[in-house]
Amino acid sequence: MKAVILAGGKGTRLYPYTLVLPKPLVPIGPKSVLEILIRRLKKFGFDEIIISIGYLGSLIKSLCGDGSRWGINISYCEEPEPLGTIGPLTLIEDKLKETFLVCNGDIITDLDIYKFIEFHKEKGGIATVATTKCKTKISLGVIRCNGDSEIISFTEKPEMEYLVSMGIYLFEPEIFNYISKGTPFGFDDLMKTLLFKNIPVYSYIDGGYWFDIGRQEDFRRAQDEFMKNPEKILGD
């Protein structure tokens, strides 16, 4: 099975760090986020990775090379212009003829990819999304009303729980039937298209740790976690 790492974004949420580094090369301890991710994919048996690059992509190519330092074959897909989170896949459609994994290049997780693949195969759909539960603190008082505009409840600064995408997906080649070519196309566009057409999409709920390094708070949390338990973050 091939893996595709999406690493072409500008990472504006991590300015000023990403003015000089592409987001996947931001370091957590002694290693970049991208290297941590590649090493984890290698651990789960992936021996061929395609990295989609754009912004400061030459730096990513300089670090990763052909992947031989990790015993993995790495090739690249260069976006001529930004194509969103899913659009770049259309540039390598001819290389993705069987089940393939796609992941954002700015995440750190201990997701068990074996179990993820097993779940995907059991469901038999063309798309499965790795998801996790995320709690969000609402910084305002939340009011609920009935149909007569009468307030029936008030909660001060509640904490709400959501199921969110981890930025890791398993796709079948048929997914390309639903992706627009030659234009920016995001994961949100893909989900809306599949749901509109009643194409089943499955959620694999993971209970492990997950950091979206594109968010300042997760970047800090990952650094703090590394200081406490480096083996957990690096996967050693």
Foldseek 3Di string as FASTA:
>chain_A
DEEEEEQADQLVQPPPVSVPPGQQQDDQPPGGLQVLVVLLVVVVPAQEYEYEYEVVVVVVCVVCPLVVVNNHGYHYQYDPDAQADPQSVVSVLVVAQFKYKYAYSQKFWPDPVVVVVVVCVVVVAFKEFEKEKDKDWDQAKDWDADPVRHTDDIDHRDIDIDIDGLRMMIGGSCLVVQADHPHHDYPVSSVVSCVVVVGDYHYDYDDTDMARCSHVVSVVVSNVVCVVPVCVRSVD
